[in-house]
Every structure is written in C-alpha cells, then in structure tokens.
Amino acid sequence: MIDFEEELAKFRPSEEISKERDEVENDKSTDLSDILTELLKQINEAAKS
C-alpha cells in the first residue's frame, strides 16, 4: 500500500519547474490589476480636487 505522507516527504519538484516558478514570482511586469489600481487612485485624487 502507498504511504502518501512518505511519498510527499520525498517529493522534490523538477528544477525546470522551480526555475519557471521563480521567474513568474519575480516578474515585475504591469498587469491589469496594477493598471486599474493606478487608474482608481488618479480618479480619487481628481475627485478630491
């Protein structure tokens, strides 16, 4: 029978997956949420003026 806890303890992700994950996590590109956040900030500042 498979001991899932033992198998999980032995699991190591492939080096390629780890590298890709690190690149995605460290990506500083602007995405849609960043654009919307900045747009809302500008709208709020304009409304206060």
N, C-alpha and C. Protein backbone atom coordinates (compact mmCIF):
# COMPACT_ATOMS: atom_id res chain seq x y z
N MET A 1 0.84 -1.18 0.00
CA MET A 1 0.00 0.00 0.00
C MET A 1 0.89 1.25 0.00
N ILE A 2 0.41 2.30 -0.66
CA ILE A 2 1.17 3.54 -0.77
C ILE A 2 0.99 4.37 0.49
N ASP A 3 2.11 4.81 1.05
CA ASP A 3 2.09 5.71 2.20
C ASP A 3 2.23 7.14 1.64
N PHE A 4 1.11 7.84 1.52
CA PHE A 4 1.12 9.16 0.89
C PHE A 4 1.98 10.16 1.65
N GLU A 5 1.99 10.09 2.95
CA GLU A 5 2.81 11.02 3.74
C GLU A 5 4.29 10.81 3.42
N GLU A 6 4.70 9.55 3.30
CA GLU A 6 6.08 9.24 2.97
C GLU A 6 6.43 9.72 1.57
N GLU A 7 5.52 9.50 0.63
CA GLU A 7 5.75 9.92 -0.75
C GLU A 7 5.83 11.45 -0.85
N LEU A 8 4.97 12.14 -0.13
CA LEU A 8 5.02 13.61 -0.14
C LEU A 8 6.31 14.13 0.47
N ALA A 9 6.79 13.45 1.50
CA ALA A 9 8.04 13.86 2.14
C ALA A 9 9.22 13.71 1.18
N LYS A 10 9.16 12.74 0.27
CA LYS A 10 10.24 12.50 -0.68
C LYS A 10 10.13 13.38 -1.93
N PHE A 11 8.99 14.02 -2.13
CA PHE A 11 8.75 14.78 -3.35
C PHE A 11 9.67 15.98 -3.46
N ARG A 12 10.27 16.13 -4.63
CA ARG A 12 11.07 17.31 -4.96
C ARG A 12 10.65 17.75 -6.35
N PRO A 13 10.20 19.01 -6.53
CA PRO A 13 9.80 19.46 -7.86
C PRO A 13 11.01 19.48 -8.81
N SER A 14 10.74 19.32 -10.07
CA SER A 14 11.83 19.34 -11.04
C SER A 14 12.48 20.73 -11.03
N GLU A 15 13.73 20.76 -11.40
CA GLU A 15 14.48 22.02 -11.40
C GLU A 15 13.88 23.02 -12.39
N GLU A 16 13.39 22.52 -13.52
CA GLU A 16 12.80 23.40 -14.52
C GLU A 16 11.56 24.10 -13.98
N ILE A 17 10.73 23.36 -13.27
CA ILE A 17 9.51 23.95 -12.70
C ILE A 17 9.87 24.99 -11.65
N SER A 18 10.84 24.68 -10.81
CA SER A 18 11.26 25.64 -9.78
C SER A 18 11.79 26.93 -10.41
N LYS A 19 12.56 26.78 -11.46
CA LYS A 19 13.13 27.95 -12.15
C LYS A 19 12.02 28.81 -12.74
N GLU A 20 11.07 28.17 -13.42
CA GLU A 20 9.96 28.90 -14.02
C GLU A 20 9.12 29.60 -12.96
N ARG A 21 8.85 28.91 -11.86
CA ARG A 21 8.06 29.50 -10.78
C ARG A 21 8.75 30.74 -10.23
N ASP A 22 10.07 30.67 -10.03
CA ASP A 22 10.82 31.82 -9.53
C ASP A 22 10.75 32.99 -10.49
N GLU A 23 10.84 32.70 -11.79
CA GLU A 23 10.77 33.78 -12.78
C GLU A 23 9.40 34.44 -12.77
N VAL A 24 8.35 33.67 -12.65
CA VAL A 24 7.00 34.22 -12.63
C VAL A 24 6.79 35.04 -11.36
N GLU A 25 7.22 34.53 -10.23
CA GLU A 25 7.04 35.25 -8.96
C GLU A 25 7.82 36.56 -8.93
N ASN A 26 8.95 36.61 -9.62
CA ASN A 26 9.79 37.81 -9.59
C ASN A 26 9.52 38.75 -10.76
N ASP A 27 8.53 38.43 -11.58
CA ASP A 27 8.19 39.26 -12.72
C ASP A 27 7.53 40.55 -12.23
N LYS A 28 8.09 41.65 -12.61
CA LYS A 28 7.59 42.96 -12.17
C LYS A 28 6.77 43.65 -13.25
N SER A 29 6.29 42.90 -14.22
CA SER A 29 5.51 43.49 -15.30
C SER A 29 4.20 44.07 -14.76
N THR A 30 3.74 45.08 -15.44
CA THR A 30 2.46 45.69 -15.09
C THR A 30 1.35 44.79 -15.61
N ASP A 31 0.41 44.47 -14.76
CA ASP A 31 -0.73 43.68 -15.22
C ASP A 31 -2.00 44.52 -15.08
N LEU A 32 -3.11 43.94 -15.44
CA LEU A 32 -4.37 44.69 -15.44
C LEU A 32 -4.73 45.21 -14.06
N SER A 33 -4.48 44.45 -13.01
CA SER A 33 -4.82 44.92 -11.67
C SER A 33 -3.97 46.14 -11.29
N ASP A 34 -2.71 46.18 -11.71
CA ASP A 34 -1.87 47.35 -11.45
C ASP A 34 -2.41 48.58 -12.17
N ILE A 35 -2.84 48.39 -13.40
CA ILE A 35 -3.38 49.50 -14.19
C ILE A 35 -4.67 50.02 -13.56
N LEU A 36 -5.55 49.12 -13.17
CA LEU A 36 -6.81 49.55 -12.55
C LEU A 36 -6.58 50.25 -11.22
N THR A 37 -5.65 49.74 -10.43
CA THR A 37 -5.33 50.37 -9.15
C THR A 37 -4.84 51.80 -9.35
N GLU A 38 -3.95 51.99 -10.31
CA GLU A 38 -3.43 53.32 -10.60
C GLU A 38 -4.53 54.23 -11.13
N LEU A 39 -5.37 53.70 -11.99
CA LEU A 39 -6.47 54.49 -12.54
C LEU A 39 -7.43 54.94 -11.43
N LEU A 40 -7.77 54.05 -10.53
CA LEU A 40 -8.66 54.41 -9.41
C LEU A 40 -8.03 55.44 -8.50
N LYS A 41 -6.72 55.34 -8.29
CA LYS A 41 -6.01 56.33 -7.48
C LYS A 41 -6.12 57.71 -8.12
N GLN A 42 -5.90 57.76 -9.43
CA GLN A 42 -5.97 59.03 -10.13
C GLN A 42 -7.38 59.60 -10.11
N ILE A 43 -8.39 58.76 -10.24
CA ILE A 43 -9.78 59.21 -10.19
C ILE A 43 -10.09 59.77 -8.82
N ASN A 44 -9.67 59.10 -7.76
CA ASN A 44 -9.91 59.56 -6.40
C ASN A 44 -9.21 60.90 -6.14
N GLU A 45 -7.99 61.04 -6.63
CA GLU A 45 -7.26 62.30 -6.44
C GLU A 45 -7.95 63.44 -7.20
N ALA A 46 -8.44 63.15 -8.39
CA ALA A 46 -9.12 64.17 -9.19
C ALA A 46 -10.44 64.58 -8.53
N ALA A 47 -11.12 63.62 -7.90
CA ALA A 47 -12.39 63.91 -7.25
C ALA A 47 -12.19 64.78 -6.02
N LYS A 48 -11.06 64.64 -5.36
CA LYS A 48 -10.77 65.43 -4.16
C LYS A 48 -10.43 66.86 -4.50
N SER A 49 -9.96 67.10 -5.71
CA SER A 49 -9.53 68.46 -6.12
C SER A 49 -10.69 69.34 -6.47
